[in-house]
Protein backbone atom coordinates (compact mmCIF):
# COMPACT_ATOMS: atom_id res chain seq x y z
CA MET A 1 -3.71 -13.42 15.39
CA PRO A 2 -4.90 -11.65 12.24
CA LEU A 3 -4.12 -13.58 9.04
CA ASP A 4 -4.79 -12.41 5.50
CA LEU A 5 -3.98 -15.00 2.82
CA GLU A 6 -4.80 -15.16 -0.88
CA LEU A 7 -3.78 -18.32 -2.77
CA GLY A 8 -4.28 -19.20 -6.39
CA TYR A 9 -3.46 -21.48 -9.26
CA ARG A 10 -2.90 -20.11 -12.75
CA TRP A 11 -3.59 -22.09 -15.90
CA SER A 12 -1.85 -21.11 -19.10
CA GLU A 13 -2.65 -22.36 -22.59
CA VAL A 14 -0.77 -20.81 -25.48
CA SER A 15 -1.84 -21.65 -29.01
CA GLY A 16 0.82 -19.51 -30.71
CA ASN A 17 4.51 -18.96 -30.10
CA GLU A 18 5.23 -19.62 -26.41
CA GLU A 19 8.48 -17.61 -26.58
CA MET A 20 6.56 -14.54 -27.72
CA PHE A 21 4.00 -15.00 -24.96
CA ARG A 22 6.73 -15.23 -22.30
CA SER A 23 8.53 -12.18 -23.69
CA GLN A 24 5.39 -10.08 -23.31
CA LEU A 25 3.74 -11.49 -20.15
CA ASP A 26 6.20 -13.98 -18.61
CA GLU A 27 3.43 -15.80 -16.74
CA ARG A 28 3.39 -19.57 -16.43
CA ALA A 29 0.95 -22.12 -15.05
CA GLY A 30 1.26 -23.15 -11.41
CA PHE A 31 0.63 -22.37 -7.74
CA GLN A 32 1.03 -18.83 -6.40
CA ILE A 33 0.70 -16.99 -3.08
CA ARG A 34 -0.85 -13.73 -4.23
CA SER A 35 -0.68 -12.09 -0.80
CA LEU A 36 0.09 -13.04 2.78
CA SER A 37 0.02 -10.82 5.82
CA TRP A 38 0.36 -12.29 9.29
CA GLY A 39 1.39 -10.47 12.40
CA LEU A 40 1.48 -10.99 16.11
CA GLY A 41 1.48 -7.45 17.47
CA ASP A 42 2.05 -7.25 21.20
CA ILE A 43 3.25 -10.62 22.49
CA ARG A 44 3.83 -9.72 26.12
CA GLY A 45 4.95 -12.28 28.64
CA THR A 46 7.51 -14.00 26.42
CA ASN A 47 11.19 -13.54 27.15
CA ALA A 48 12.53 -13.81 23.61
CA ILE A 49 10.16 -11.95 21.28
CA ASP A 50 7.38 -9.37 21.56
CA HIS A 51 6.50 -8.64 17.91
CA PHE A 52 6.47 -10.72 14.74
CA ARG A 53 5.21 -10.07 11.19
CA ILE A 54 5.42 -11.79 7.78
CA ASP A 55 4.34 -10.19 4.51
CA ALA A 56 4.53 -11.86 1.10
CA ALA A 57 3.34 -11.04 -2.40
CA ASP A 58 3.30 -12.97 -5.68
CA LEU A 59 5.44 -15.91 -4.53
CA GLY A 60 5.34 -18.90 -6.84
CA VAL A 61 5.21 -19.13 -10.62
CA GLY A 62 4.94 -15.39 -11.27
CA PRO A 63 7.84 -13.39 -12.67
CA ASN A 64 8.21 -11.28 -9.51
CA GLY A 65 7.80 -12.04 -5.82
CA GLN A 66 8.74 -10.77 -2.41
CA LEU A 67 8.82 -11.88 1.22
CA ARG A 68 9.43 -9.71 4.29
CA LEU A 69 9.94 -10.76 7.91
CA GLU A 70 10.11 -8.52 10.95
CA ALA A 71 10.63 -9.77 14.50
CA GLY A 72 12.12 -8.54 17.72
CA ARG A 73 11.95 -7.66 21.35
CA THR A 74 11.59 -3.97 22.18
CA GLY A 75 14.77 -2.56 23.67
CA TYR A 76 16.79 -5.74 23.04
CA TRP A 77 16.89 -6.74 19.37
CA LYS A 78 15.14 -6.30 16.03
CA LEU A 79 15.37 -8.37 12.84
CA ASN A 80 14.30 -7.18 9.40
CA ALA A 81 14.73 -9.62 6.52
CA ALA A 82 13.57 -9.29 2.92
CA TYR A 83 13.70 -11.53 -0.15
CA ARG A 84 12.87 -10.37 -3.67
CA ARG A 85 12.86 -12.25 -6.98
CA SER A 86 12.65 -10.68 -10.43
CA GLU A 87 12.63 -12.51 -13.75
CA HIS A 88 13.00 -10.82 -17.11
CA TYR A 89 12.65 -12.94 -20.21
CA SER A 90 13.12 -11.95 -23.84
CA ASN A 91 13.99 -14.15 -26.78
CA LEU A 92 13.68 -11.81 -29.73
CA PRO A 93 15.26 -13.97 -32.48
CA THR A 94 12.60 -16.69 -32.11
CA ILE A 95 9.88 -14.06 -32.09
CA ALA A 96 11.21 -12.54 -35.32
CA ASN A 97 11.53 -15.97 -36.94
CA PRO A 98 9.49 -18.66 -35.15
CA TYR A 99 10.85 -21.34 -37.55
CA LEU A 100 14.32 -21.13 -36.01
CA GLU A 101 15.09 -23.63 -33.28
CA LYS A 102 15.49 -22.14 -29.83
CA GLY A 103 19.09 -21.13 -29.19
CA THR A 104 20.28 -21.22 -32.81
CA LEU A 105 20.45 -17.44 -33.19
CA ASP A 106 21.35 -15.99 -29.82
CA SER A 107 22.33 -12.36 -29.71
CA GLN A 108 22.80 -9.53 -27.24
CA HIS A 109 19.10 -8.76 -27.66
CA SER A 110 17.93 -12.04 -26.14
CA PHE A 111 18.31 -12.74 -22.46
CA ASP A 112 16.95 -14.87 -19.65
CA ARG A 113 17.75 -13.15 -16.35
CA THR A 114 16.67 -14.04 -12.86
CA ARG A 115 17.64 -11.81 -9.97
CA ASP A 116 17.33 -12.88 -6.34
CA SER A 117 18.13 -10.42 -3.58
CA VAL A 118 18.25 -11.01 0.16
CA ASP A 119 18.61 -8.26 2.76
CA VAL A 120 19.00 -9.08 6.46
CA ASP A 121 19.39 -6.44 9.17
CA LEU A 122 19.83 -7.43 12.82
CA SER A 123 20.03 -4.66 15.42
CA CYS A 124 21.05 -5.48 18.97
CA SER A 125 21.08 -3.24 22.02
CA PRO A 126 24.39 -3.85 23.82
CA ALA A 127 23.20 -2.03 26.96
CA ARG A 128 20.78 -4.89 27.70
CA ARG A 129 21.80 -8.38 28.75
């Protein structure tokens, strides 16, 4: 059972404008799974499943992350599932004038977007029971 795992904790200390820092780097303090790869290749002798794999990257406090799962039984079924998260942050009015309170001068040029996508694909072989 090969397992490759890289964990980390990020500290962040900003002495200037935190909004400007997030607009440029968008990294916060906290726990993060930098990479994970775990697979069970040929699992013979089981009736339900004969291959299984999980891959993950940058899950946690980072602005982007992904998780992928693959499992199945050859000739019967196969499952592919993927999760992806993307965060884009920009608050230009507070960067241009840091003396303004946050949210007092919102415009079309400032945004806080988070996108989560999930893709699941299950293939079954109807010829098998």
